[in-house]
Every structure is written in C-alpha cells, then in structure tokens.
PDB file of all heavy atoms in Angstrom:
ATOM      1  N   VAL A   1     200.398 194.342  -1.129  1.00  0.00           N
ATOM      2  CA  VAL A   1     200.533 192.974  -1.444  1.00  0.00           C
ATOM      3  C   VAL A   1     202.071 192.647  -1.559  1.00  0.00           C
ATOM      4  O   VAL A   1     202.776 193.339  -2.308  1.00  0.00           O
ATOM      5  CB  VAL A   1     199.947 192.505  -2.768  1.00  0.00           C
ATOM      6  CG1 VAL A   1     200.116 191.113  -3.077  1.00  0.00           C
ATOM      7  CG2 VAL A   1     198.398 192.846  -2.589  1.00  0.00           C
ATOM      8  N   VAL A   2     202.612 191.702  -0.862  1.00  0.00           N
ATOM      9  CA  VAL A   2     204.007 191.447  -0.708  1.00  0.00           C
ATOM     10  C   VAL A   2     204.268 190.019  -0.987  1.00  0.00           C
ATOM     11  O   VAL A   2     203.632 189.190  -0.166  1.00  0.00           O
ATOM     12  CB  VAL A   2     204.627 191.856   0.595  1.00  0.00           C
ATOM     13  CG1 VAL A   2     206.090 191.634   0.670  1.00  0.00           C
ATOM     14  CG2 VAL A   2     204.394 193.385   0.795  1.00  0.00           C
ATOM     15  N   GLU A   3     205.056 189.571  -1.877  1.00  0.00           N
ATOM     16  CA  GLU A   3     205.521 188.282  -2.214  1.00  0.00           C
ATOM     17  C   GLU A   3     206.847 188.000  -1.633  1.00  0.00           C
ATOM     18  O   GLU A   3     207.709 188.825  -1.517  1.00  0.00           O
ATOM     19  CB  GLU A   3     205.463 187.927  -3.788  1.00  0.00           C
ATOM     20  CG  GLU A   3     204.220 188.271  -4.448  1.00  0.00           C
ATOM     21  CD  GLU A   3     204.240 189.523  -5.187  1.00  0.00           C
ATOM     22  OE1 GLU A   3     205.032 190.498  -4.691  1.00  0.00           O
ATOM     23  OE2 GLU A   3     203.670 189.650  -6.266  1.00  0.00           O
ATOM     24  N   SER A   4     207.124 186.680  -1.334  1.00  0.00           N
ATOM     25  CA  SER A   4     208.456 186.272  -0.980  1.00  0.00           C
ATOM     26  C   SER A   4     208.519 184.757  -1.303  1.00  0.00           C
ATOM     27  O   SER A   4     207.680 184.169  -1.594  1.00  0.00           O
ATOM     28  CB  SER A   4     208.693 186.503   0.578  1.00  0.00           C
ATOM     29  OG  SER A   4     207.712 185.804   1.365  1.00  0.00           O
ATOM     30  N   GLY A   5     209.835 184.346  -1.193  1.00  0.00           N
ATOM     31  CA  GLY A   5     210.130 182.989  -1.332  1.00  0.00           C
ATOM     32  C   GLY A   5     210.775 182.497  -2.619  1.00  0.00           C
ATOM     33  O   GLY A   5     211.160 181.315  -2.720  1.00  0.00           O
ATOM     34  N   GLY A   6     211.011 183.450  -3.532  1.00  0.00           N
ATOM     35  CA  GLY A   6     211.622 183.057  -4.765  1.00  0.00           C
ATOM     36  C   GLY A   6     213.106 182.772  -4.528  1.00  0.00           C
ATOM     37  O   GLY A   6     213.729 183.011  -3.433  1.00  0.00           O
ATOM     38  N   GLY A   7     213.773 182.236  -5.560  1.00  0.00           N
ATOM     39  CA  GLY A   7     215.204 181.925  -5.546  1.00  0.00           C
ATOM     40  C   GLY A   7     215.634 181.128  -6.689  1.00  0.00           C
ATOM     41  O   GLY A   7     214.943 181.053  -7.651  1.00  0.00           O
ATOM     42  N   LEU A   8     216.881 180.667  -6.662  1.00  0.00           N
ATOM     43  CA  LEU A   8     217.439 179.752  -7.659  1.00  0.00           C
ATOM     44  C   LEU A   8     217.432 178.390  -7.075  1.00  0.00           C
ATOM     45  O   LEU A   8     218.006 178.113  -6.144  1.00  0.00           O
ATOM     46  CB  LEU A   8     218.837 180.316  -7.913  1.00  0.00           C
ATOM     47  CG  LEU A   8     219.773 179.480  -8.913  1.00  0.00           C
ATOM     48  CD1 LEU A   8     219.073 179.551 -10.175  1.00  0.00           C
ATOM     49  CD2 LEU A   8     221.098 179.992  -8.865  1.00  0.00           C
ATOM     50  N   VAL A   9     216.962 177.424  -8.028  1.00  0.00           N
ATOM     51  CA  VAL A   9     216.828 176.105  -7.604  1.00  0.00           C
ATOM     52  C   VAL A   9     217.317 175.233  -8.878  1.00  0.00           C
ATOM     53  O   VAL A   9     217.086 175.755 -10.030  1.00  0.00           O
ATOM     54  CB  VAL A   9     215.500 175.518  -7.111  1.00  0.00           C
ATOM     55  CG1 VAL A   9     215.275 176.262  -5.843  1.00  0.00           C
ATOM     56  CG2 VAL A   9     214.433 175.785  -8.113  1.00  0.00           C
ATOM     57  N   GLN A  10     217.715 174.121  -8.725  1.00  0.00           N
ATOM     58  CA  GLN A  10     218.002 173.092  -9.827  1.00  0.00           C
ATOM     59  C   GLN A  10     216.642 172.461 -10.208  1.00  0.00           C
ATOM     60  O   GLN A  10     215.722 172.368  -9.519  1.00  0.00           O
ATOM     61  CB  GLN A  10     219.028 172.075  -9.481  1.00  0.00           C
ATOM     62  CG  GLN A  10     220.414 172.621  -9.278  1.00  0.00           C
ATOM     63  CD  GLN A  10     221.480 171.640  -9.077  1.00  0.00           C
ATOM     64  OE1 GLN A  10     221.105 170.459  -9.171  1.00  0.00           O
ATOM     65  NE2 GLN A  10     222.663 171.976  -8.774  1.00  0.00           N
ATOM     66  N   ALA A  11     216.607 172.037 -11.490  1.00  0.00           N
ATOM     67  CA  ALA A  11     215.487 171.250 -12.098  1.00  0.00           C
ATOM     68  C   ALA A  11     215.189 170.166 -11.101  1.00  0.00           C
ATOM     69  O   ALA A  11     216.085 169.472 -10.600  1.00  0.00           O
ATOM     70  CB  ALA A  11     215.753 170.856 -13.427  1.00  0.00           C
ATOM     71  N   GLY A  12     213.878 169.967 -10.749  1.00  0.00           N
ATOM     72  CA  GLY A  12     213.432 168.939  -9.873  1.00  0.00           C
ATOM     73  C   GLY A  12     213.298 169.426  -8.478  1.00  0.00           C
ATOM     74  O   GLY A  12     212.769 168.596  -7.595  1.00  0.00           O
ATOM     75  N   GLY A  13     213.840 170.515  -8.198  1.00  0.00           N
ATOM     76  CA  GLY A  13     213.735 171.102  -6.777  1.00  0.00           C
ATOM     77  C   GLY A  13     212.391 171.666  -6.454  1.00  0.00           C
ATOM     78  O   GLY A  13     211.521 171.705  -7.270  1.00  0.00           O
ATOM     79  N   SER A  14     212.217 172.328  -5.312  1.00  0.00           N
ATOM     80  CA  SER A  14     210.979 172.818  -4.866  1.00  0.00           C
ATOM     81  C   SER A  14     211.332 174.188  -4.185  1.00  0.00           C
ATOM     82  O   SER A  14     212.390 174.603  -3.765  1.00  0.00           O
ATOM     83  CB  SER A  14     210.426 172.039  -3.706  1.00  0.00           C
ATOM     84  OG  SER A  14     210.043 170.734  -4.174  1.00  0.00           O
ATOM     85  N   LEU A  15     210.201 175.059  -4.272  1.00  0.00           N
ATOM     86  CA  LEU A  15     210.181 176.325  -3.552  1.00  0.00           C
ATOM     87  C   LEU A  15     208.776 176.639  -3.163  1.00  0.00           C
ATOM     88  O   LEU A  15     207.788 176.055  -3.655  1.00  0.00           O
ATOM     89  CB  LEU A  15     210.498 177.441  -4.576  1.00  0.00           C
ATOM     90  CG  LEU A  15     211.916 177.693  -5.030  1.00  0.00           C
ATOM     91  CD1 LEU A  15     212.078 178.754  -6.048  1.00  0.00           C
ATOM     92  CD2 LEU A  15     212.820 178.078  -3.760  1.00  0.00           C
ATOM     93  N   ARG A  16     208.620 177.329  -1.981  1.00  0.00           N
ATOM     94  CA  ARG A  16     207.294 177.761  -1.536  1.00  0.00           C
ATOM     95  C   ARG A  16     207.260 179.213  -1.518  1.00  0.00           C
ATOM     96  O   ARG A  16     207.965 179.971  -0.813  1.00  0.00           O
ATOM     97  CB  ARG A  16     207.109 177.222  -0.097  1.00  0.00           C
ATOM     98  CG  ARG A  16     205.676 177.389   0.372  1.00  0.00           C
ATOM     99  CD  ARG A  16     205.580 177.038   1.865  1.00  0.00           C
ATOM    100  NE  ARG A  16     204.262 176.988   2.274  1.00  0.00           N
ATOM    101  CZ  ARG A  16     203.819 177.118   3.510  1.00  0.00           C
ATOM    102  NH1 ARG A  16     204.590 177.397   4.467  1.00  0.00           N
ATOM    103  NH2 ARG A  16     202.579 176.971   3.763  1.00  0.00           N
ATOM    104  N   LEU A  17     206.293 179.794  -2.288  1.00  0.00           N
ATOM    105  CA  LEU A  17     206.186 181.203  -2.298  1.00  0.00           C
ATOM    106  C   LEU A  17     205.066 181.649  -1.417  1.00  0.00           C
ATOM    107  O   LEU A  17     204.086 180.923  -1.094  1.00  0.00           O
ATOM    108  CB  LEU A  17     205.766 181.691  -3.767  1.00  0.00           C
ATOM    109  CG  LEU A  17     206.655 181.279  -4.928  1.00  0.00           C
ATOM    110  CD1 LEU A  17     206.116 181.931  -6.204  1.00  0.00           C
ATOM    111  CD2 LEU A  17     208.120 181.696  -4.635  1.00  0.00           C
ATOM    112  N   SER A  18     205.233 182.882  -0.884  1.00  0.00           N
ATOM    113  CA  SER A  18     204.092 183.344   0.016  1.00  0.00           C
ATOM    114  C   SER A  18     203.630 184.702  -0.444  1.00  0.00           C
ATOM    115  O   SER A  18     204.398 185.489  -1.016  1.00  0.00           O
ATOM    116  CB  SER A  18     204.586 183.640   1.462  1.00  0.00           C
ATOM    117  OG  SER A  18     205.082 182.335   1.990  1.00  0.00           O
ATOM    118  N   CYS A  19     202.366 185.130  -0.309  1.00  0.00           N
ATOM    119  CA  CYS A  19     201.949 186.307  -0.577  1.00  0.00           C
ATOM    120  C   CYS A  19     201.021 186.791   0.589  1.00  0.00           C
ATOM    121  O   CYS A  19     200.074 186.165   1.033  1.00  0.00           O
ATOM    122  CB  CYS A  19     201.042 186.171  -1.873  1.00  0.00           C
ATOM    123  SG  CYS A  19     200.048 187.721  -2.240  1.00  0.00           S
ATOM    124  N   VAL A  20     201.291 187.941   1.109  1.00  0.00           N
ATOM    125  CA  VAL A  20     200.539 188.575   2.259  1.00  0.00           C
ATOM    126  C   VAL A  20     199.823 189.854   1.774  1.00  0.00           C
ATOM    127  O   VAL A  20     200.565 190.767   1.242  1.00  0.00           O
ATOM    128  CB  VAL A  20     201.437 188.822   3.434  1.00  0.00           C
ATOM    129  CG1 VAL A  20     200.737 189.425   4.631  1.00  0.00           C
ATOM    130  CG2 VAL A  20     202.189 187.582   3.909  1.00  0.00           C
ATOM    131  N   ALA A  21     198.527 189.952   2.026  1.00  0.00           N
ATOM    132  CA  ALA A  21     197.777 191.214   1.724  1.00  0.00           C
ATOM    133  C   ALA A  21     197.453 191.875   3.080  1.00  0.00           C
ATOM    134  O   ALA A  21     197.045 191.157   4.037  1.00  0.00           O
ATOM    135  CB  ALA A  21     196.522 190.915   1.024  1.00  0.00           C
ATOM    136  N   SER A  22     197.686 193.164   3.102  1.00  0.00           N
ATOM    137  CA  SER A  22     197.406 193.944   4.365  1.00  0.00           C
ATOM    138  C   SER A  22     196.847 195.268   3.904  1.00  0.00           C
ATOM    139  O   SER A  22     196.925 195.685   2.801  1.00  0.00           O
ATOM    140  CB  SER A  22     198.620 194.079   5.123  1.00  0.00           C
ATOM    141  OG  SER A  22     199.676 194.800   4.396  1.00  0.00           O
ATOM    142  N   GLY A  23     196.282 195.951   5.006  1.00  0.00           N
ATOM    143  CA  GLY A  23     195.650 197.232   4.729  1.00  0.00           C
ATOM    144  C   GLY A  23     194.188 197.238   4.985  1.00  0.00           C
ATOM    145  O   GLY A  23     193.665 196.374   5.830  1.00  0.00           O
ATOM    146  N   THR A  24     193.471 198.091   4.330  1.00  0.00           N
ATOM    147  CA  THR A  24     192.026 198.232   4.557  1.00  0.00           C
ATOM    148  C   THR A  24     191.322 197.182   3.646  1.00  0.00           C
ATOM    149  O   THR A  24     191.130 197.348   2.391  1.00  0.00           O
ATOM    150  CB  THR A  24     191.519 199.644   4.127  1.00  0.00           C
ATOM    151  OG1 THR A  24     192.292 200.565   4.928  1.00  0.00           O
ATOM    152  CG2 THR A  24     190.089 199.759   4.422  1.00  0.00           C
ATOM    153  N   ILE A  25     190.965 196.089   4.278  1.00  0.00           N
ATOM    154  CA  ILE A  25     190.366 194.945   3.585  1.00  0.00           C
ATOM    155  C   ILE A  25     189.010 194.550   4.230  1.00  0.00           C
ATOM    156  O   ILE A  25     189.049 194.134   5.501  1.00  0.00           O
ATOM    157  CB  ILE A  25     191.230 193.721   3.520  1.00  0.00           C
ATOM    158  CG1 ILE A  25     192.582 194.059   2.827  1.00  0.00           C
ATOM    159  CG2 ILE A  25     190.581 192.572   2.830  1.00  0.00           C
ATOM    160  CD1 ILE A  25     193.691 193.051   2.886  1.00  0.00           C
ATOM    161  N   PHE A  26     187.982 194.593   3.560  1.00  0.00           N
ATOM    162  CA  PHE A  26     186.715 194.115   4.039  1.00  0.00           C
ATOM    163  C   PHE A  26     186.614 192.663   3.908  1.00  0.00           C
ATOM    164  O   PHE A  26     186.256 191.984   4.848  1.00  0.00           O
ATOM    165  CB  PHE A  26     185.504 194.897   3.435  1.00  0.00           C
ATOM    166  CG  PHE A  26     184.148 194.381   3.966  1.00  0.00           C
ATOM    167  CD1 PHE A  26     183.737 194.868   5.156  1.00  0.00           C
ATOM    168  CD2 PHE A  26     183.399 193.540   3.209  1.00  0.00           C
ATOM    169  CE1 PHE A  26     182.453 194.465   5.617  1.00  0.00           C
ATOM    170  CE2 PHE A  26     182.162 193.164   3.554  1.00  0.00           C
ATOM    171  CZ  PHE A  26     181.673 193.637   4.880  1.00  0.00           C
ATOM    172  N   SER A  27     186.973 192.161   2.717  1.00  0.00           N
ATOM    173  CA  SER A  27     187.023 190.839   2.494  1.00  0.00           C
ATOM    174  C   SER A  27     187.881 190.609   1.134  1.00  0.00           C
ATOM    175  O   SER A  27     188.052 191.493   0.354  1.00  0.00           O
ATOM    176  CB  SER A  27     185.685 190.086   2.283  1.00  0.00           C
ATOM    177  OG  SER A  27     185.032 190.656   1.190  1.00  0.00           O
ATOM    178  N   ILE A  28     188.471 189.423   1.067  1.00  0.00           N
ATOM    179  CA  ILE A  28     189.153 189.040  -0.084  1.00  0.00           C
ATOM    180  C   ILE A  28     188.352 188.088  -1.026  1.00  0.00           C
ATOM    181  O   ILE A  28     187.785 187.105  -0.634  1.00  0.00           O
ATOM    182  CB  ILE A  28     190.519 188.379   0.185  1.00  0.00           C
ATOM    183  CG1 ILE A  28     191.405 189.310   0.899  1.00  0.00           C
ATOM    184  CG2 ILE A  28     191.141 187.737  -1.052  1.00  0.00           C
ATOM    185  CD1 ILE A  28     192.805 188.797   1.345  1.00  0.00           C
ATOM    186  N   LYS A  29     188.115 188.530  -2.321  1.00  0.00           N
ATOM    187  CA  LYS A  29     187.248 187.835  -3.188  1.00  0.00           C
ATOM    188  C   LYS A  29     188.093 186.660  -3.824  1.00  0.00           C
ATOM    189  O   LYS A  29     187.493 185.584  -4.078  1.00  0.00           O
ATOM    190  CB  LYS A  29     186.673 188.730  -4.157  1.00  0.00           C
ATOM    191  CG  LYS A  29     185.722 189.844  -3.601  1.00  0.00           C
ATOM    192  CD  LYS A  29     185.272 190.741  -4.697  1.00  0.00           C
ATOM    193  CE  LYS A  29     184.263 190.108  -5.656  1.00  0.00           C
ATOM    194  NZ  LYS A  29     183.702 191.010  -6.588  1.00  0.00           N
ATOM    195  N   SER A  30     189.374 186.909  -4.067  1.00  0.00           N
ATOM    196  CA  SER A  30     190.161 185.952  -4.785  1.00  0.00           C
ATOM    197  C   SER A  30     191.664 186.288  -4.534  1.00  0.00           C
ATOM    198  O   SER A  30     192.009 187.422  -4.457  1.00  0.00           O
ATOM    199  CB  SER A  30     189.919 185.645  -6.115  1.00  0.00           C
ATOM    200  OG  SER A  30     190.205 186.850  -6.981  1.00  0.00           O
ATOM    201  N   MET A  31     192.449 185.202  -4.624  1.00  0.00           N
ATOM    202  CA  MET A  31     193.938 185.438  -4.605  1.00  0.00           C
ATOM    203  C   MET A  31     194.494 184.568  -5.824  1.00  0.00           C
ATOM    204  O   MET A  31     194.021 183.492  -5.859  1.00  0.00           O
ATOM    205  CB  MET A  31     194.624 185.200  -3.362  1.00  0.00           C
ATOM    206  CG  MET A  31     194.164 185.991  -2.182  1.00  0.00           C
ATOM    207  SD  MET A  31     194.941 185.719  -0.623  1.00  0.00           S
ATOM    208  CE  MET A  31     196.475 186.574  -0.861  1.00  0.00           C
ATOM    209  N   SER A  32     195.410 185.114  -6.570  1.00  0.00           N
ATOM    210  CA  SER A  32     195.927 184.444  -7.658  1.00  0.00           C
ATOM    211  C   SER A  32     197.429 184.601  -7.773  1.00  0.00           C
ATOM    212  O   SER A  32     197.925 185.591  -7.376  1.00  0.00           O
ATOM    213  CB  SER A  32     195.301 184.902  -8.994  1.00  0.00           C
ATOM    214  OG  SER A  32     193.858 184.814  -8.957  1.00  0.00           O
ATOM    215  N   TRP A  33     197.993 183.696  -8.462  1.00  0.00           N
ATOM    216  CA  TRP A  33     199.427 183.735  -8.837  1.00  0.00           C
ATOM    217  C   TRP A  33     199.620 183.810 -10.264  1.00  0.00           C
ATOM    218  O   TRP A  33     198.995 183.073 -11.056  1.00  0.00           O
ATOM    219  CB  TRP A  33     200.211 182.535  -8.387  1.00  0.00           C
ATOM    220  CG  TRP A  33     200.536 182.528  -6.887  1.00  0.00           C
ATOM    221  CD1 TRP A  33     199.986 181.765  -5.924  1.00  0.00           C
ATOM    222  CD2 TRP A  33     201.603 183.250  -6.200  1.00  0.00           C
ATOM    223  NE1 TRP A  33     200.533 181.971  -4.815  1.00  0.00           N
ATOM    224  CE2 TRP A  33     201.470 182.950  -4.831  1.00  0.00           C
ATOM    225  CE3 TRP A  33     202.561 184.118  -6.706  1.00  0.00           C
ATOM    226  CZ2 TRP A  33     202.328 183.454  -3.858  1.00  0.00           C
ATOM    227  CZ3 TRP A  33     203.349 184.736  -5.795  1.00  0.00           C
ATOM    228  CH2 TRP A  33     203.331 184.409  -4.345  1.00  0.00           C
ATOM    229  N   TYR A  34     200.308 184.768 -10.742  1.00  0.00           N
ATOM    230  CA  TYR A  34     200.695 184.994 -12.221  1.00  0.00           C
ATOM    231  C   TYR A  34     202.223 184.810 -12.384  1.00  0.00           C
ATOM    232  O   TYR A  34     202.938 184.881 -11.314  1.00  0.00           O
ATOM    233  CB  TYR A  34     200.232 186.318 -12.631  1.00  0.00           C
ATOM    234  CG  TYR A  34     198.798 186.589 -12.871  1.00  0.00           C
ATOM    235  CD1 TYR A  34     197.936 186.848 -11.771  1.00  0.00           C
ATOM    236  CD2 TYR A  34     198.268 186.597 -14.118  1.00  0.00           C
ATOM    237  CE1 TYR A  34     196.575 186.914 -11.980  1.00  0.00           C
ATOM    238  CE2 TYR A  34     196.813 186.718 -14.427  1.00  0.00           C
ATOM    239  CZ  TYR A  34     196.058 186.883 -13.162  1.00  0.00           C
ATOM    240  OH  TYR A  34     194.734 187.170 -13.407  1.00  0.00           O
ATOM    241  N   ARG A  35     202.667 184.641 -13.570  1.00  0.00           N
ATOM    242  CA  ARG A  35     204.143 184.634 -13.845  1.00  0.00           C
ATOM    243  C   ARG A  35     204.361 185.179 -15.122  1.00  0.00           C
ATOM    244  O   ARG A  35     203.432 185.150 -16.063  1.00  0.00           O
ATOM    245  CB  ARG A  35     204.725 183.272 -13.782  1.00  0.00           C
ATOM    246  CG  ARG A  35     204.262 182.232 -14.722  1.00  0.00           C
ATOM    247  CD  ARG A  35     204.884 180.878 -14.462  1.00  0.00           C
ATOM    248  NE  ARG A  35     204.406 179.871 -15.514  1.00  0.00           N
ATOM    249  CZ  ARG A  35     204.667 178.563 -15.429  1.00  0.00           C
ATOM    250  NH1 ARG A  35     205.437 178.156 -14.409  1.00  0.00           N
ATOM    251  NH2 ARG A  35     204.340 177.803 -16.348  1.00  0.00           N
ATOM    252  N   GLN A  36     205.505 185.832 -15.332  1.00  0.00           N
ATOM    253  CA  GLN A  36     205.948 186.403 -16.600  1.00  0.00           C
ATOM    254  C   GLN A  36     207.379 186.181 -16.816  1.00  0.00           C
ATOM    255  O   GLN A  36     208.278 186.583 -16.011  1.00  0.00           O
ATOM    256  CB  GLN A  36     205.548 187.988 -16.538  1.00  0.00           C
ATOM    257  CG  GLN A  36     205.937 188.556 -17.852  1.00  0.00           C
ATOM    258  CD  GLN A  36     205.162 189.993 -18.057  1.00  0.00           C
ATOM    259  OE1 GLN A  36     204.879 190.650 -16.990  1.00  0.00           O
ATOM    260  NE2 GLN A  36     205.008 190.375 -19.225  1.00  0.00           N
ATOM    261  N   ALA A  37     207.638 185.497 -17.906  1.00  0.00           N
ATOM    262  CA  ALA A  37     209.077 185.309 -18.236  1.00  0.00           C
ATOM    263  C   ALA A  37     209.444 186.164 -19.432  1.00  0.00           C
ATOM    264  O   ALA A  37     208.561 186.800 -20.120  1.00  0.00           O
ATOM    265  CB  ALA A  37     209.119 183.806 -18.811  1.00  0.00           C
ATOM    266  N   PRO A  38     210.744 186.465 -19.612  1.00  0.00           N
ATOM    267  CA  PRO A  38     211.178 187.335 -20.608  1.00  0.00           C
ATOM    268  C   PRO A  38     210.701 186.961 -21.987  1.00  0.00           C
ATOM    269  O   PRO A  38     210.722 185.770 -22.338  1.00  0.00           O
ATOM    270  CB  PRO A  38     212.755 187.148 -20.560  1.00  0.00           C
ATOM    271  CG  PRO A  38     212.934 186.859 -19.141  1.00  0.00           C
ATOM    272  CD  PRO A  38     211.895 185.890 -18.826  1.00  0.00           C
ATOM    273  N   GLY A  39     210.074 187.868 -22.696  1.00  0.00           N
ATOM    274  CA  GLY A  39     209.590 187.717 -23.985  1.00  0.00           C
ATOM    275  C   GLY A  39     208.235 186.986 -23.998  1.00  0.00           C
ATOM    276  O   GLY A  39     207.703 186.721 -25.133  1.00  0.00           O
ATOM    277  N   LYS A  40     207.704 186.706 -22.959  1.00  0.00           N
ATOM    278  CA  LYS A  40     206.456 186.005 -22.882  1.00  0.00           C
ATOM    279  C   LYS A  40     205.294 186.833 -22.144  1.00  0.00           C
ATOM    280  O   LYS A  40     205.594 187.786 -21.450  1.00  0.00           O
ATOM    281  CB  LYS A  40     206.574 184.712 -21.951  1.00  0.00           C
ATOM    282  CG  LYS A  40     207.537 183.730 -22.507  1.00  0.00           C
ATOM    283  CD  LYS A  40     206.998 183.120 -23.839  1.00  0.00           C
ATOM    284  CE  LYS A  40     208.004 181.980 -24.288  1.00  0.00           C
ATOM    285  NZ  LYS A  40     207.894 180.817 -23.503  1.00  0.00           N
ATOM    286  N   GLN A  41     204.044 186.502 -22.557  1.00  0.00           N
ATOM    287  CA  GLN A  41     202.913 187.195 -22.005  1.00  0.00           C
ATOM    288  C   GLN A  41     202.773 186.781 -20.578  1.00  0.00           C
ATOM    289  O   GLN A  41     203.042 185.669 -20.204  1.00  0.00           O
ATOM    290  CB  GLN A  41     201.701 186.944 -22.781  1.00  0.00           C
ATOM    291  CG  GLN A  41     200.558 187.713 -22.514  1.00  0.00           C
ATOM    292  CD  GLN A  41     199.351 187.400 -23.452  1.00  0.00           C
ATOM    293  OE1 GLN A  41     198.879 186.319 -23.549  1.00  0.00           O
ATOM    294  NE2 GLN A  41     198.894 188.500 -24.133  1.00  0.00           N
ATOM    295  N   ARG A  42     202.172 187.631 -19.721  1.00  0.00           N
ATOM    296  CA  ARG A  42     201.970 187.307 -18.376  1.00  0.00           C
ATOM    297  C   ARG A  42     200.893 186.239 -18.428  1.00  0.00           C
ATOM    298  O   ARG A  42     199.828 186.178 -19.046  1.00  0.00           O
ATOM    299  CB  ARG A  42     201.435 188.483 -17.562  1.00  0.00           C
ATOM    300  CG  ARG A  42     201.141 188.225 -16.107  1.00  0.00           C
ATOM    301  CD  ARG A  42     200.882 189.478 -15.321  1.00  0.00           C
ATOM    302  NE  ARG A  42     202.135 190.379 -15.295  1.00  0.00           N
ATOM    303  CZ  ARG A  42     202.197 191.512 -14.670  1.00  0.00           C
ATOM    304  NH1 ARG A  42     201.096 192.028 -14.118  1.00  0.00           N
ATOM    305  NH2 ARG A  42     203.327 192.286 -14.692  1.00  0.00           N
ATOM    306  N   GLU A  43     201.036 185.185 -17.530  1.00  0.00           N
ATOM    307  CA  GLU A  43     200.311 184.009 -17.550  1.00  0.00           C
ATOM    308  C   GLU A  43     199.691 183.812 -16.115  1.00  0.00           C
ATOM    309  O   GLU A  43     200.368 183.819 -15.170  1.00  0.00           O
ATOM    310  CB  GLU A  43     201.203 182.792 -17.875  1.00  0.00           C
ATOM    311  CG  GLU A  43     200.503 181.527 -17.847  1.00  0.00           C
ATOM    312  CD  GLU A  43     201.457 180.360 -18.133  1.00  0.00           C
ATOM    313  OE1 GLU A  43     202.607 180.388 -17.530  1.00  0.00           O
ATOM    314  OE2 GLU A  43     201.078 179.419 -18.868  1.00  0.00           O
ATOM    315  N   LEU A  44     198.446 183.366 -16.129  1.00  0.00           N
ATOM    316  CA  LEU A  44     197.734 182.952 -14.916  1.00  0.00           C
ATOM    317  C   LEU A  44     198.235 181.576 -14.549  1.00  0.00           C
ATOM    318  O   LEU A  44     198.035 180.691 -15.275  1.00  0.00           O
ATOM    319  CB  LEU A  44     196.277 183.067 -14.960  1.00  0.00           C
ATOM    320  CG  LEU A  44     195.458 182.656 -13.757  1.00  0.00           C
ATOM    321  CD1 LEU A  44     195.690 183.510 -12.542  1.00  0.00           C
ATOM    322  CD2 LEU A  44     193.947 182.631 -14.140  1.00  0.00           C
ATOM    323  N   VAL A  45     198.804 181.355 -13.289  1.00  0.00           N
ATOM    324  CA  VAL A  45     199.315 180.180 -12.935  1.00  0.00           C
ATOM    325  C   VAL A  45     198.232 179.391 -12.143  1.00  0.00           C
ATOM    326  O   VAL A  45     197.971 178.168 -12.297  1.00  0.00           O
ATOM    327  CB  VAL A  45     200.601 180.332 -12.155  1.00  0.00           C
ATOM    328  CG1 VAL A  45     201.108 178.968 -11.575  1.00  0.00           C
ATOM    329  CG2 VAL A  45     201.736 180.984 -12.951  1.00  0.00           C
ATOM    330  N   ALA A  46     197.751 180.062 -11.147  1.00  0.00           N
ATOM    331  CA  ALA A  46     196.705 179.457 -10.250  1.00  0.00           C
ATOM    332  C   ALA A  46     195.737 180.510  -9.627  1.00  0.00           C
ATOM    333  O   ALA A  46     196.333 181.637  -9.408  1.00  0.00           O
ATOM    334  CB  ALA A  46     197.327 178.618  -9.157  1.00  0.00           C
TER     335      ALA A  46
END
C-alpha cells in the first residue's frame, strides 16, 4: 500500500492524496484514510 500527494499548503488550499494497493489481491473489501497528528490519537477520516 503506497500513499502519495502530501505536501505543504496554506490554509484554504487543496491537495489530492492517492493510495495504490498492489500484490496478491482477490478483492478489496474497503479502503480508508486515517490521520495522526502529534500528540493525538489516530483518527479515521473517511
């Protein structure tokens, strides 16, 4: 699983992240984005 697309932006800006899964896959049941900030618990985003 490989993510890309992060970076530094100013407030109000936009970014598009990508996630690619590869390998031995019969099917994908779900894909999710999480985030973790310093001092914070990992959070399910979408």
